[in-house]
Amino acid sequence: MNRRILIAAAALAASAAPAFAHLNPAEHGSLAAGFSHPLLGVDHILVMVAVGLWAAQIGGRALWVVPTAFVAMMTAGFVLAVAGVTLPFVEPAILASVVALGLLVAMAVRLDTAASAAIVGVFALFHGHAHGGELGSAGALAFSAGFIAATAALHAAGIGLGVALRHLSGNGLLARILGGLTALAGAALIFA
């Protein structure tokens, strides 16, 4: 069982596509483009899985409140972008979120649920705005349904991975290592 989990985690990490490699919504259909947007950018994958890992580390209500806060604020950021409201530093904030959330997992930071939800919510606003910026001529409703579903799936994968890793190493070391690797990957994306 342990070996299968580690192999699956390694396969997931090895299969991540380069950052910012997203389908053009106008060319590939809005629902498919929306669903693929978070799945085709390593920056999005790392953050969304890290949110799930961190929620699993915190435990309790955070298991559902933290990912839900991310999805809600990501949706708000999307709506802002579609409405033409600009946010400064969207891409730098997304890259900073990879480093910050990786460090939160690596250091196993335990904040109360509301503070944790607020932290991921701020970063999610920028992720959602980026999704809105990728909309093009696609339908906003179908596109948003796609990226919300993909985001929720990545959060669930992070939670499942976090719970599995806690069982593998009772001290949480494996999740902390993944958090550190996430932060390093974020730093590499910044300087790439």
Protein backbone atom coordinates (compact mmCIF):
# COMPACT_ATOMS: atom_id res chain seq x y z
CA MET A 1 0.00 0.00 0.00
CA ASN A 2 2.73 2.47 0.99
CA ARG A 3 4.68 1.72 -2.14
CA ARG A 4 1.64 2.31 -4.36
CA ILE A 5 0.99 5.70 -2.78
CA LEU A 6 4.59 6.78 -3.27
CA ILE A 7 4.58 5.59 -6.89
CA ALA A 8 1.32 7.47 -7.55
CA ALA A 9 2.70 10.64 -5.96
CA ALA A 10 5.90 10.37 -8.03
CA ALA A 11 3.91 9.81 -11.22
CA LEU A 12 1.76 12.86 -10.47
CA ALA A 13 4.81 15.02 -9.87
CA ALA A 14 6.56 13.78 -13.00
CA SER A 15 3.53 14.32 -15.21
CA ALA A 16 3.00 18.00 -14.40
CA ALA A 17 3.11 20.24 -17.45
CA PRO A 18 5.10 23.47 -17.60
CA ALA A 19 3.67 26.49 -15.80
CA PHE A 20 1.27 28.74 -17.69
CA ALA A 21 0.57 26.11 -20.37
CA HIS A 22 -3.18 26.48 -20.70
CA LEU A 23 -5.62 25.67 -23.46
CA ASN A 24 -7.03 28.61 -25.39
CA PRO A 25 -10.70 28.70 -24.34
CA ALA A 26 -11.80 30.06 -27.72
CA GLU A 27 -10.18 27.12 -29.53
CA HIS A 28 -10.89 24.21 -27.19
CA GLY A 29 -14.36 24.69 -25.76
CA SER A 30 -15.14 26.49 -22.57
CA LEU A 31 -15.84 23.62 -20.15
CA ALA A 32 -12.80 21.60 -21.26
CA ALA A 33 -10.57 24.67 -21.23
CA GLY A 34 -11.83 25.65 -17.79
CA PHE A 35 -11.24 22.16 -16.43
CA SER A 36 -7.80 21.90 -18.00
CA HIS A 37 -6.62 25.35 -16.89
CA PRO A 38 -5.64 24.34 -13.34
CA LEU A 39 -4.45 20.90 -14.47
CA LEU A 40 -2.01 22.15 -17.11
CA GLY A 41 -0.10 24.67 -15.03
CA VAL A 42 2.36 23.35 -12.49
CA ASP A 43 1.90 26.56 -10.49
CA HIS A 44 -1.82 25.85 -10.09
CA ILE A 45 -1.31 22.16 -9.34
CA LEU A 46 1.27 22.86 -6.64
CA VAL A 47 -0.89 25.47 -4.89
CA MET A 48 -4.12 23.54 -5.01
CA VAL A 49 -2.57 20.32 -3.77
CA ALA A 50 -0.71 22.32 -1.08
CA VAL A 51 -4.03 23.76 0.10
CA GLY A 52 -5.31 20.21 0.56
CA LEU A 53 -2.10 19.10 2.30
CA TRP A 54 -2.25 22.06 4.67
CA ALA A 55 -5.93 21.46 5.42
CA ALA A 56 -5.07 17.83 6.23
CA GLN A 57 -2.27 18.95 8.54
CA ILE A 58 -4.56 21.32 10.42
CA GLY A 59 -7.38 18.79 10.53
CA GLY A 60 -10.85 19.19 11.99
CA ARG A 61 -13.09 21.74 10.29
CA ALA A 62 -10.14 22.97 8.23
CA LEU A 63 -10.45 19.85 6.08
CA TRP A 64 -13.45 21.39 4.36
CA VAL A 65 -13.37 25.09 5.35
CA VAL A 66 -9.91 25.88 3.94
CA PRO A 67 -10.47 24.34 0.48
CA THR A 68 -13.99 25.82 0.35
CA ALA A 69 -12.58 29.27 1.13
CA PHE A 70 -10.09 28.83 -1.71
CA VAL A 71 -12.81 27.88 -4.19
CA ALA A 72 -15.11 30.72 -3.05
CA MET A 73 -12.44 33.40 -3.29
CA MET A 74 -11.12 31.98 -6.56
CA THR A 75 -14.64 32.34 -7.94
CA ALA A 76 -14.76 35.94 -6.66
CA GLY A 77 -11.47 36.68 -8.42
CA PHE A 78 -12.85 35.19 -11.62
CA VAL A 79 -15.95 37.38 -11.39
CA LEU A 80 -13.75 40.45 -10.86
CA ALA A 81 -11.71 39.64 -13.97
CA VAL A 82 -14.81 39.01 -16.09
CA ALA A 83 -16.25 42.32 -14.85
CA GLY A 84 -13.09 44.07 -16.04
CA VAL A 85 -11.71 44.84 -12.58
CA THR A 86 -7.95 44.62 -12.66
CA LEU A 87 -5.77 43.33 -9.87
CA PRO A 88 -2.11 44.28 -9.68
CA PHE A 89 0.63 41.67 -9.66
CA VAL A 90 -1.57 38.67 -10.52
CA GLU A 91 1.21 36.40 -11.83
CA PRO A 92 3.71 37.36 -9.09
CA ALA A 93 1.03 36.73 -6.46
CA ILE A 94 0.33 33.30 -7.95
CA LEU A 95 4.02 32.42 -7.87
CA ALA A 96 4.32 33.77 -4.33
CA SER A 97 1.41 31.55 -3.34
CA VAL A 98 3.35 28.46 -4.42
CA VAL A 99 6.25 29.42 -2.16
CA ALA A 100 4.09 30.58 0.75
CA LEU A 101 1.76 27.59 0.82
CA GLY A 102 4.68 25.23 0.38
CA LEU A 103 6.36 26.84 3.39
CA LEU A 104 3.16 26.63 5.46
CA VAL A 105 3.06 22.88 4.78
CA ALA A 106 6.83 22.45 5.27
CA MET A 107 6.71 24.19 8.62
CA ALA A 108 3.41 22.49 9.56
CA VAL A 109 1.99 25.86 10.58
CA ARG A 110 -1.17 25.41 12.62
CA LEU A 111 -3.38 28.48 12.63
CA ASP A 112 -7.03 28.57 13.53
CA THR A 113 -9.37 27.65 10.72
CA ALA A 114 -10.53 31.23 10.00
CA ALA A 115 -6.97 32.55 9.67
CA SER A 116 -5.99 29.63 7.45
CA ALA A 117 -9.05 30.21 5.26
CA ALA A 118 -8.21 33.91 5.01
CA ILE A 119 -4.64 33.17 3.90
CA VAL A 120 -5.67 30.77 1.15
CA GLY A 121 -8.51 33.11 0.22
CA VAL A 122 -6.15 35.98 -0.55
CA PHE A 123 -4.07 33.79 -2.85
CA ALA A 124 -7.19 32.26 -4.40
CA LEU A 125 -8.41 35.70 -5.44
CA PHE A 126 -5.37 36.02 -7.73
CA HIS A 127 -5.73 32.48 -9.07
CA GLY A 128 -9.37 33.19 -9.93
CA HIS A 129 -8.45 36.45 -11.59
CA ALA A 130 -5.94 34.59 -13.75
CA HIS A 131 -8.67 32.12 -14.75
CA GLY A 132 -10.88 35.05 -15.72
CA GLY A 133 -8.05 36.52 -17.75
CA GLU A 134 -7.83 33.25 -19.72
CA LEU A 135 -11.55 33.28 -20.55
CA GLY A 136 -11.31 34.83 -24.00
CA SER A 137 -14.54 34.28 -25.92
CA ALA A 138 -15.57 31.19 -23.97
CA GLY A 139 -18.75 31.13 -21.95
CA ALA A 140 -18.04 32.27 -18.40
CA LEU A 141 -20.43 29.84 -16.72
CA ALA A 142 -19.14 26.68 -18.40
CA PHE A 143 -15.51 27.78 -18.12
CA SER A 144 -15.87 28.54 -14.41
CA ALA A 145 -17.66 25.24 -13.78
CA GLY A 146 -14.69 23.47 -15.33
CA PHE A 147 -11.96 25.16 -13.31
CA ILE A 148 -13.99 24.94 -10.08
CA ALA A 149 -14.39 21.19 -10.57
CA ALA A 150 -10.68 20.72 -11.33
CA THR A 151 -9.69 22.85 -8.34
CA ALA A 152 -11.93 20.87 -6.01
CA ALA A 153 -10.44 17.63 -7.35
CA LEU A 154 -6.89 18.90 -6.75
CA HIS A 155 -7.82 19.97 -3.22
CA ALA A 156 -9.32 16.53 -2.58
CA ALA A 157 -6.13 14.92 -3.92
CA GLY A 158 -4.06 17.07 -1.56
CA ILE A 159 -6.26 16.15 1.41
CA GLY A 160 -6.09 12.47 0.51
CA LEU A 161 -2.34 12.65 0.07
CA GLY A 162 -1.98 14.48 3.38
CA VAL A 163 -4.05 11.91 5.25
CA ALA A 164 -2.17 9.03 3.60
CA LEU A 165 1.21 10.57 4.38
CA ARG A 166 0.19 11.10 8.01
CA HIS A 167 -0.49 7.36 8.23
CA LEU A 168 2.82 6.53 6.56
CA SER A 169 4.87 8.73 8.85
CA GLY A 170 3.02 9.48 12.07
CA ASN A 171 5.15 12.59 12.62
CA GLY A 172 4.06 14.28 9.36
CA LEU A 173 7.60 14.38 7.99
CA LEU A 174 6.65 13.25 4.47
CA ALA A 175 4.05 16.00 4.07
CA ARG A 176 6.54 18.54 5.37
CA ILE A 177 9.09 17.36 2.82
CA LEU A 178 6.51 17.78 0.04
CA GLY A 179 5.80 21.26 1.35
CA GLY A 180 9.49 22.12 1.18
CA LEU A 181 9.73 20.77 -2.35
CA THR A 182 6.68 22.82 -3.30
CA ALA A 183 8.29 25.98 -1.95
CA LEU A 184 11.50 25.20 -3.85
CA ALA A 185 9.51 24.58 -7.04
CA GLY A 186 7.79 27.93 -6.54
CA ALA A 187 11.15 29.67 -6.15
CA ALA A 188 12.36 27.96 -9.32
CA LEU A 189 9.25 29.17 -11.19
CA ILE A 190 9.92 32.72 -10.02
CA PHE A 191 13.42 32.68 -11.43
CA ALA A 192 12.63 30.64 -14.55
